[in-house]
PDB file of N, CA and C in Angstrom:
ATOM      1  N   MET A   1       0.660  -1.116  -0.059  1.00  0.00           N
ATOM      2  CA  MET A   1      -0.078  -0.039   0.024  1.00  0.00           C
ATOM      3  C   MET A   1       0.867   1.091   0.019  1.00  0.00           C
ATOM      4  N   HIS A   2       0.508   2.130  -0.820  1.00  0.00           N
ATOM      5  CA  HIS A   2       1.489   3.436  -0.942  1.00  0.00           C
ATOM      6  C   HIS A   2       0.665   4.332  -0.081  1.00  0.00           C
ATOM      7  N   SER A   3       1.599   5.063   0.722  1.00  0.00           N
ATOM      8  CA  SER A   3       0.967   6.061   1.564  1.00  0.00           C
ATOM      9  C   SER A   3       1.069   7.519   0.745  1.00  0.00           C
ATOM     10  N   HIS A   4       0.354   8.522   1.200  1.00  0.00           N
ATOM     11  CA  HIS A   4       0.674   9.831   0.600  1.00  0.00           C
ATOM     12  C   HIS A   4       0.687  10.715   1.530  1.00  0.00           C
ATOM     13  N   LEU A   5       1.616  11.816   1.611  1.00  0.00           N
ATOM     14  CA  LEU A   5       1.961  12.694   2.716  1.00  0.00           C
ATOM     15  C   LEU A   5       0.862  13.878   2.398  1.00  0.00           C
ATOM     16  N   CYS A   6       0.335  14.409   3.509  1.00  0.00           N
ATOM     17  CA  CYS A   6      -0.454  15.403   3.269  1.00  0.00           C
ATOM     18  C   CYS A   6       0.270  16.923   3.474  1.00  0.00           C
ATOM     19  N   ARG A   7       0.096  17.937   3.145  1.00  0.00           N
ATOM     20  CA  ARG A   7       0.626  19.048   3.150  1.00  0.00           C
ATOM     21  C   ARG A   7       1.153  19.335   4.565  1.00  0.00           C
ATOM     22  N   GLY A   8       2.388  19.596   4.761  1.00  0.00           N
ATOM     23  CA  GLY A   8       2.835  20.172   5.936  1.00  0.00           C
ATOM     24  C   GLY A   8       3.633  18.920   6.782  1.00  0.00           C
ATOM     25  N   GLU A   9       3.184  17.670   6.419  1.00  0.00           N
ATOM     26  CA  GLU A   9       3.898  16.379   7.033  1.00  0.00           C
ATOM     27  C   GLU A   9       5.417  16.242   6.866  1.00  0.00           C
ATOM     28  N   ASP A  10       5.608  16.889   5.877  1.00  0.00           N
ATOM     29  CA  ASP A  10       7.311  16.592   5.724  1.00  0.00           C
ATOM     30  C   ASP A  10       7.943  17.716   6.055  1.00  0.00           C
ATOM     31  N   LEU A  11       7.337  18.546   6.841  1.00  0.00           N
ATOM     32  CA  LEU A  11       8.111  19.778   7.211  1.00  0.00           C
ATOM     33  C   LEU A  11       8.938  19.415   8.612  1.00  0.00           C
ATOM     34  N   HIS A  12      10.185  19.582   8.526  1.00  0.00           N
ATOM     35  CA  HIS A  12      11.253  19.324   9.514  1.00  0.00           C
ATOM     36  C   HIS A  12      11.518  20.589  10.313  1.00  0.00           C
ATOM     37  N   VAL A  13      11.008  20.665  11.445  1.00  0.00           N
ATOM     38  CA  VAL A  13      11.366  21.889  12.360  1.00  0.00           C
ATOM     39  C   VAL A  13      12.405  21.406  13.234  1.00  0.00           C
ATOM     40  N   ASP A  14      13.372  21.979  13.243  1.00  0.00           N
ATOM     41  CA  ASP A  14      14.600  21.545  14.514  1.00  0.00           C
ATOM     42  C   ASP A  14      14.087  22.464  15.883  1.00  0.00           C
ATOM     43  N   GLU A  15      13.762  21.889  16.891  1.00  0.00           N
ATOM     44  CA  GLU A  15      13.554  22.566  18.042  1.00  0.00           C
ATOM     45  C   GLU A  15      14.304  21.852  19.183  1.00  0.00           C
ATOM     46  N   ARG A  16      14.882  22.640  20.026  1.00  0.00           N
ATOM     47  CA  ARG A  16      15.506  22.312  21.129  1.00  0.00           C
ATOM     48  C   ARG A  16      15.192  22.690  22.663  1.00  0.00           C
ATOM     49  N   VAL A  17      15.573  21.931  23.373  1.00  0.00           N
ATOM     50  CA  VAL A  17      14.936  22.330  24.838  1.00  0.00           C
ATOM     51  C   VAL A  17      16.397  22.592  25.694  1.00  0.00           C
ATOM     52  N   ILE A  18      16.300  23.514  26.524  1.00  0.00           N
ATOM     53  CA  ILE A  18      17.377  23.914  27.260  1.00  0.00           C
ATOM     54  C   ILE A  18      16.974  23.279  28.752  1.00  0.00           C
ATOM     55  N   ILE A  19      17.861  22.360  29.281  1.00  0.00           N
ATOM     56  CA  ILE A  19      17.490  21.943  30.670  1.00  0.00           C
ATOM     57  C   ILE A  19      18.449  22.364  31.792  1.00  0.00           C
ATOM     58  N   ALA A  20      17.808  22.230  32.724  1.00  0.00           N
ATOM     59  CA  ALA A  20      18.527  22.767  34.093  1.00  0.00           C
ATOM     60  C   ALA A  20      19.808  21.889  34.397  1.00  0.00           C
ATOM     61  N   PRO A  21      20.872  22.526  34.562  1.00  0.00           N
ATOM     62  CA  PRO A  21      22.139  21.883  34.828  1.00  0.00           C
ATOM     63  C   PRO A  21      22.214  21.033  36.212  1.00  0.00           C
ATOM     64  N   SER A  22      21.173  21.644  37.089  1.00  0.00           N
ATOM     65  CA  SER A  22      21.328  21.216  38.553  1.00  0.00           C
ATOM     66  C   SER A  22      20.014  21.587  38.967  1.00  0.00           C
ATOM     67  N   ALA A  23      19.709  20.966  40.250  1.00  0.00           N
ATOM     68  CA  ALA A  23      18.352  21.495  40.996  1.00  0.00           C
ATOM     69  C   ALA A  23      18.487  22.999  41.637  1.00  0.00           C
ATOM     70  N   GLY A  24      17.641  23.723  41.564  1.00  0.00           N
ATOM     71  CA  GLY A  24      17.804  25.036  42.467  1.00  0.00           C
ATOM     72  C   GLY A  24      16.525  25.945  42.011  1.00  0.00           C
ATOM     73  N   ARG A  25      16.641  27.176  42.484  1.00  0.00           N
ATOM     74  CA  ARG A  25      15.514  27.992  41.864  1.00  0.00           C
ATOM     75  C   ARG A  25      15.818  28.735  40.899  1.00  0.00           C
ATOM     76  N   PHE A  26      15.052  28.940  39.803  1.00  0.00           N
ATOM     77  CA  PHE A  26      15.168  29.637  38.528  1.00  0.00           C
ATOM     78  C   PHE A  26      14.990  30.844  38.460  1.00  0.00           C
ATOM     79  N   ARG A  27      15.800  31.662  37.920  1.00  0.00           N
ATOM     80  CA  ARG A  27      15.445  32.857  37.844  1.00  0.00           C
ATOM     81  C   ARG A  27      15.882  33.332  36.057  1.00  0.00           C
ATOM     82  N   PRO A  28      14.949  33.711  35.262  1.00  0.00           N
ATOM     83  CA  PRO A  28      15.346  34.092  33.837  1.00  0.00           C
ATOM     84  C   PRO A  28      16.283  35.379  33.773  1.00  0.00           C
ATOM     85  N   VAL A  29      16.981  35.705  32.719  1.00  0.00           N
ATOM     86  CA  VAL A  29      17.769  36.807  32.736  1.00  0.00           C
ATOM     87  C   VAL A  29      16.661  37.734  32.261  1.00  0.00           C
ATOM     88  N   SER A  30      16.670  39.001  32.841  1.00  0.00           N
ATOM     89  CA  SER A  30      15.669  40.045  32.598  1.00  0.00           C
ATOM     90  C   SER A  30      15.719  40.344  31.074  1.00  0.00           C
ATOM     91  N   PRO A  31      14.829  41.049  30.597  1.00  0.00           N
ATOM     92  CA  PRO A  31      15.014  41.507  29.083  1.00  0.00           C
ATOM     93  C   PRO A  31      16.002  42.595  28.896  1.00  0.00           C
ATOM     94  N   GLU A  32      16.228  43.327  29.867  1.00  0.00           N
ATOM     95  CA  GLU A  32      17.301  44.531  29.739  1.00  0.00           C
ATOM     96  C   GLU A  32      18.766  43.901  29.652  1.00  0.00           C
ATOM     97  N   ASP A  33      18.969  42.733  30.339  1.00  0.00           N
ATOM     98  CA  ASP A  33      20.359  42.027  30.074  1.00  0.00           C
ATOM     99  C   ASP A  33      20.264  41.221  29.034  1.00  0.00           C
ATOM    100  N   ALA A  34      19.078  40.768  28.404  1.00  0.00           N
ATOM    101  CA  ALA A  34      19.269  39.645  27.257  1.00  0.00           C
ATOM    102  C   ALA A  34      20.019  40.585  25.844  1.00  0.00           C
ATOM    103  N   GLY A  35      19.847  41.660  25.811  1.00  0.00           N
ATOM    104  CA  GLY A  35      20.642  42.371  24.557  1.00  0.00           C
ATOM    105  C   GLY A  35      19.381  43.044  23.829  1.00  0.00           C
ATOM    106  N   PRO A  36      19.897  43.573  22.720  1.00  0.00           N
ATOM    107  CA  PRO A  36      19.186  44.138  21.807  1.00  0.00           C
ATOM    108  C   PRO A  36      18.268  43.203  20.833  1.00  0.00           C
ATOM    109  N   ASP A  37      18.646  41.906  20.553  1.00  0.00           N
ATOM    110  CA  ASP A  37      17.952  40.980  19.845  1.00  0.00           C
ATOM    111  C   ASP A  37      17.815  39.839  21.023  1.00  0.00           C
ATOM    112  N   ALA A  38      16.923  40.318  21.822  1.00  0.00           N
ATOM    113  CA  ALA A  38      16.620  39.025  22.951  1.00  0.00           C
ATOM    114  C   ALA A  38      15.843  37.880  22.400  1.00  0.00           C
ATOM    115  N   GLY A  39      15.225  37.848  21.262  1.00  0.00           N
ATOM    116  CA  GLY A  39      14.661  36.520  20.871  1.00  0.00           C
ATOM    117  C   GLY A  39      15.736  35.522  19.987  1.00  0.00           C
ATOM    118  N   ARG A  40      17.084  36.339  19.990  1.00  0.00           N
ATOM    119  CA  ARG A  40      18.025  35.305  19.291  1.00  0.00           C
ATOM    120  C   ARG A  40      18.734  34.974  20.156  1.00  0.00           C
ATOM    121  N   LEU A  41      19.327  33.457  20.306  1.00  0.00           N
ATOM    122  CA  LEU A  41      20.303  32.969  21.173  1.00  0.00           C
ATOM    123  C   LEU A  41      21.510  32.644  20.509  1.00  0.00           C
ATOM    124  N   ALA A  42      22.662  33.170  21.024  1.00  0.00           N
ATOM    125  CA  ALA A  42      24.008  32.466  20.515  1.00  0.00           C
ATOM    126  C   ALA A  42      24.423  31.142  21.408  1.00  0.00           C
ATOM    127  N   ALA A  43      25.034  30.090  20.784  1.00  0.00           N
ATOM    128  CA  ALA A  43      25.439  29.032  21.716  1.00  0.00           C
ATOM    129  C   ALA A  43      26.229  29.732  22.772  1.00  0.00           C
ATOM    130  N   GLY A  44      25.971  29.293  24.112  1.00  0.00           N
ATOM    131  CA  GLY A  44      26.734  29.536  25.215  1.00  0.00           C
ATOM    132  C   GLY A  44      25.992  31.053  25.899  1.00  0.00           C
ATOM    133  N   GLN A  45      25.102  31.790  25.217  1.00  0.00           N
ATOM    134  CA  GLN A  45      24.445  32.460  25.915  1.00  0.00           C
ATOM    135  C   GLN A  45      23.613  32.435  27.172  1.00  0.00           C
ATOM    136  N   GLN A  46      23.936  33.134  27.988  1.00  0.00           N
ATOM    137  CA  GLN A  46      22.898  32.922  29.446  1.00  0.00           C
ATOM    138  C   GLN A  46      21.495  33.226  29.057  1.00  0.00           C
ATOM    139  N   ILE A  47      20.726  32.424  29.970  1.00  0.00           N
ATOM    140  CA  ILE A  47      19.199  32.449  29.489  1.00  0.00           C
ATOM    141  C   ILE A  47      18.815  32.727  31.184  1.00  0.00           C
ATOM    142  N   GLY A  48      19.547  32.534  32.144  1.00  0.00           N
ATOM    143  CA  GLY A  48      19.044  32.593  33.374  1.00  0.00           C
ATOM    144  C   GLY A  48      19.927  32.158  34.480  1.00  0.00           C
ATOM    145  N   VAL A  49      19.710  31.925  35.810  1.00  0.00           N
ATOM    146  CA  VAL A  49      20.609  31.511  36.883  1.00  0.00           C
ATOM    147  C   VAL A  49      19.803  30.384  37.639  1.00  0.00           C
ATOM    148  N   LEU A  50      20.334  29.492  38.047  1.00  0.00           N
ATOM    149  CA  LEU A  50      19.945  28.714  39.193  1.00  0.00           C
ATOM    150  C   LEU A  50      20.454  29.240  40.476  1.00  0.00           C
ATOM    151  N   GLU A  51      19.499  29.480  41.309  1.00  0.00           N
ATOM    152  CA  GLU A  51      19.836  29.739  42.678  1.00  0.00           C
ATOM    153  C   GLU A  51      20.107  28.686  43.585  1.00  0.00           C
ATOM    154  N   LEU A  52      21.237  28.259  44.110  1.00  0.00           N
ATOM    155  CA  LEU A  52      21.495  27.216  44.916  1.00  0.00           C
ATOM    156  C   LEU A  52      22.086  27.748  46.384  1.00  0.00           C
ATOM    157  N   PRO A  53      21.877  26.948  47.367  1.00  0.00           N
ATOM    158  CA  PRO A  53      21.944  27.397  48.861  1.00  0.00           C
ATOM    159  C   PRO A  53      23.359  28.141  49.303  1.00  0.00           C
ATOM    160  N   ASP A  54      24.542  28.054  48.498  1.00  0.00           N
ATOM    161  CA  ASP A  54      25.727  28.387  48.590  1.00  0.00           C
ATOM    162  C   ASP A  54      26.396  29.346  47.494  1.00  0.00           C
ATOM    163  N   ARG A  55      25.513  29.502  46.487  1.00  0.00           N
ATOM    164  CA  ARG A  55      25.980  29.920  45.235  1.00  0.00           C
ATOM    165  C   ARG A  55      24.932  29.997  43.963  1.00  0.00           C
ATOM    166  N   SER A  56      25.288  30.925  43.119  1.00  0.00           N
ATOM    167  CA  SER A  56      24.286  30.893  41.875  1.00  0.00           C
ATOM    168  C   SER A  56      25.146  30.434  40.710  1.00  0.00           C
ATOM    169  N   ARG A  57      24.233  29.603  39.867  1.00  0.00           N
ATOM    170  CA  ARG A  57      24.914  28.844  38.862  1.00  0.00           C
ATOM    171  C   ARG A  57      24.157  29.409  37.314  1.00  0.00           C
ATOM    172  N   PRO A  58      25.162  29.785  36.379  1.00  0.00           N
ATOM    173  CA  PRO A  58      24.459  30.297  35.255  1.00  0.00           C
ATOM    174  C   PRO A  58      23.921  29.407  34.469  1.00  0.00           C
ATOM    175  N   VAL A  59      22.532  29.511  33.923  1.00  0.00           N
ATOM    176  CA  VAL A  59      22.079  28.742  32.820  1.00  0.00           C
ATOM    177  C   VAL A  59      22.292  29.280  31.389  1.00  0.00           C
ATOM    178  N   ARG A  60      23.162  28.370  30.528  1.00  0.00           N
ATOM    179  CA  ARG A  60      23.391  28.828  29.297  1.00  0.00           C
ATOM    180  C   ARG A  60      22.803  28.029  28.174  1.00  0.00           C
ATOM    181  N   SER A  61      22.417  28.480  27.079  1.00  0.00           N
ATOM    182  CA  SER A  61      22.027  27.834  26.026  1.00  0.00           C
ATOM    183  C   SER A  61      22.938  26.987  25.052  1.00  0.00           C
ATOM    184  N   PRO A  62      22.904  25.601  25.131  1.00  0.00           N
ATOM    185  CA  PRO A  62      24.122  25.190  24.271  1.00  0.00           C
ATOM    186  C   PRO A  62      23.842  25.194  22.780  1.00  0.00           C
ATOM    187  N   PHE A  63      22.774  25.792  22.472  1.00  0.00           N
ATOM    188  CA  PHE A  63      22.559  26.007  20.976  1.00  0.00           C
ATOM    189  C   PHE A  63      22.253  27.242  20.600  1.00  0.00           C
ATOM    190  N   ALA A  64      22.334  27.493  19.275  1.00  0.00           N
ATOM    191  CA  ALA A  64      21.971  28.946  18.931  1.00  0.00           C
ATOM    192  C   ALA A  64      20.755  28.769  18.285  1.00  0.00           C
ATOM    193  N   GLY A  65      19.652  29.846  18.326  1.00  0.00           N
ATOM    194  CA  GLY A  65      18.302  29.826  17.705  1.00  0.00           C
ATOM    195  C   GLY A  65      17.514  30.801  18.260  1.00  0.00           C
ATOM    196  N   ARG A  66      16.267  30.838  17.782  1.00  0.00           N
ATOM    197  CA  ARG A  66      15.316  31.632  18.479  1.00  0.00           C
ATOM    198  C   ARG A  66      14.629  31.353  19.544  1.00  0.00           C
ATOM    199  N   LEU A  67      14.666  31.818  20.686  1.00  0.00           N
ATOM    200  CA  LEU A  67      13.946  31.329  21.780  1.00  0.00           C
ATOM    201  C   LEU A  67      12.483  31.520  21.488  1.00  0.00           C
ATOM    202  N   MET A  68      11.819  30.570  22.016  1.00  0.00           N
ATOM    203  CA  MET A  68      10.318  30.382  21.596  1.00  0.00           C
ATOM    204  C   MET A  68       9.603  30.559  22.837  1.00  0.00           C
ATOM    205  N   GLY A  69      10.047  30.246  24.064  1.00  0.00           N
ATOM    206  CA  GLY A  69       9.380  30.230  25.218  1.00  0.00           C
ATOM    207  C   GLY A  69      10.071  29.742  26.397  1.00  0.00           C
ATOM    208  N   MET A  70       9.552  30.275  27.396  1.00  0.00           N
ATOM    209  CA  MET A  70      10.169  29.788  28.770  1.00  0.00           C
ATOM    210  C   MET A  70       9.090  28.657  29.272  1.00  0.00           C
ATOM    211  N   LEU A  71       9.911  27.728  29.969  1.00  0.00           N
ATOM    212  CA  LEU A  71       9.088  26.552  30.631  1.00  0.00           C
ATOM    213  C   LEU A  71       8.958  26.488  32.044  1.00  0.00           C
ATOM    214  N   ALA A  72       9.817  27.297  32.567  1.00  0.00           N
ATOM    215  CA  ALA A  72      10.158  27.481  33.861  1.00  0.00           C
ATOM    216  C   ALA A  72       9.543  28.859  34.372  1.00  0.00           C
ATOM    217  N   HIS A  73       8.809  28.962  35.501  1.00  0.00           N
ATOM    218  CA  HIS A  73       8.614  30.266  35.908  1.00  0.00           C
ATOM    219  C   HIS A  73       9.571  30.969  36.888  1.00  0.00           C
ATOM    220  N   THR A  74       9.753  32.283  36.589  1.00  0.00           N
ATOM    221  CA  THR A  74      10.681  32.930  37.629  1.00  0.00           C
ATOM    222  C   THR A  74      10.392  32.228  39.263  1.00  0.00           C
ATOM    223  N   GLY A  75      11.488  32.051  39.766  1.00  0.00           N
ATOM    224  CA  GLY A  75      11.363  31.666  41.214  1.00  0.00           C
ATOM    225  C   GLY A  75      10.846  30.177  41.413  1.00  0.00           C
ATOM    226  N   GLU A  76      10.826  29.550  40.301  1.00  0.00           N
ATOM    227  CA  GLU A  76      10.335  28.197  40.287  1.00  0.00           C
ATOM    228  C   GLU A  76      11.379  27.259  40.981  1.00  0.00           C
ATOM    229  N   ARG A  77      11.313  26.359  41.644  1.00  0.00           N
ATOM    230  CA  ARG A  77      12.084  25.326  41.765  1.00  0.00           C
ATOM    231  C   ARG A  77      12.272  24.110  41.029  1.00  0.00           C
ATOM    232  N   VAL A  78      13.433  23.984  40.333  1.00  0.00           N
ATOM    233  CA  VAL A  78      13.522  23.008  39.368  1.00  0.00           C
ATOM    234  C   VAL A  78      14.508  21.741  39.709  1.00  0.00           C
ATOM    235  N   ARG A  79      14.450  20.634  38.957  1.00  0.00           N
ATOM    236  CA  ARG A  79      15.258  19.742  39.305  1.00  0.00           C
ATOM    237  C   ARG A  79      16.131  19.564  38.283  1.00  0.00           C
ATOM    238  N   GLU A  80      17.236  18.941  38.371  1.00  0.00           N
ATOM    239  CA  GLU A  80      18.414  18.673  37.488  1.00  0.00           C
ATOM    240  C   GLU A  80      17.777  17.947  36.189  1.00  0.00           C
ATOM    241  N   GLY A  81      17.933  18.587  34.831  1.00  0.00           N
ATOM    242  CA  GLY A  81      17.320  17.876  33.687  1.00  0.00           C
ATOM    243  C   GLY A  81      16.031  18.294  33.367  1.00  0.00           C
ATOM    244  N   GLN A  82      15.356  19.282  34.053  1.00  0.00           N
ATOM    245  CA  GLN A  82      14.113  19.639  34.016  1.00  0.00           C
ATOM    246  C   GLN A  82      14.171  20.602  32.790  1.00  0.00           C
ATOM    247  N   PRO A  83      13.394  20.588  31.682  1.00  0.00           N
ATOM    248  CA  PRO A  83      13.063  21.685  30.777  1.00  0.00           C
ATOM    249  C   PRO A  83      13.013  23.081  31.378  1.00  0.00           C
ATOM    250  N   LEU A  84      13.844  24.254  30.898  1.00  0.00           N
ATOM    251  CA  LEU A  84      13.581  25.307  31.205  1.00  0.00           C
ATOM    252  C   LEU A  84      13.187  26.345  30.232  1.00  0.00           C
ATOM    253  N   ALA A  85      13.489  26.084  28.894  1.00  0.00           N
ATOM    254  CA  ALA A  85      13.089  26.827  27.625  1.00  0.00           C
ATOM    255  C   ALA A  85      13.080  26.127  26.322  1.00  0.00           C
ATOM    256  N   TRP A  86      12.448  26.522  25.654  1.00  0.00           N
ATOM    257  CA  TRP A  86      12.678  25.853  24.156  1.00  0.00           C
ATOM    258  C   TRP A  86      12.996  26.780  23.064  1.00  0.00           C
ATOM    259  N   LEU A  87      13.678  26.485  22.073  1.00  0.00           N
ATOM    260  CA  LEU A  87      14.244  27.294  21.119  1.00  0.00           C
ATOM    261  C   LEU A  87      13.912  26.405  19.705  1.00  0.00           C
ATOM    262  N   ARG A  88      13.937  27.304  18.496  1.00  0.00           N
ATOM    263  CA  ARG A  88      13.949  26.796  17.212  1.00  0.00           C
ATOM    264  C   ARG A  88      15.375  27.202  16.794  1.00  0.00           C
ATOM    265  N   VAL A  89      16.211  26.132  16.176  1.00  0.00           N
ATOM    266  CA  VAL A  89      17.465  26.173  15.739  1.00  0.00           C
ATOM    267  C   VAL A  89      17.175  26.530  14.249  1.00  0.00           C
ATOM    268  N   ALA A  90      18.131  27.175  13.633  1.00  0.00           N
ATOM    269  CA  ALA A  90      18.217  27.746  12.349  1.00  0.00           C
ATOM    270  C   ALA A  90      18.843  26.707  11.496  1.00  0.00           C
TER     271      ALA A  90
END
């Protein structure tokens, strides 16, 4: 049996998730600190910090792309490996 693709089924969208490198309380970078093109991320760019009992740890995107949305709220306690944000890579 030969199947036919519907319009849009062959669309390949590359999306990535930025995950928490450790447990802590998440605080995203403020829009003022994000720079002039806040929607575009460079690989290694900081998107927030995790507040730990004894220090803060930066959260950086391992990917370049367009930030599509945050998946963690300001001040939310997150666990290691939890998705924090998602982006579409070019």
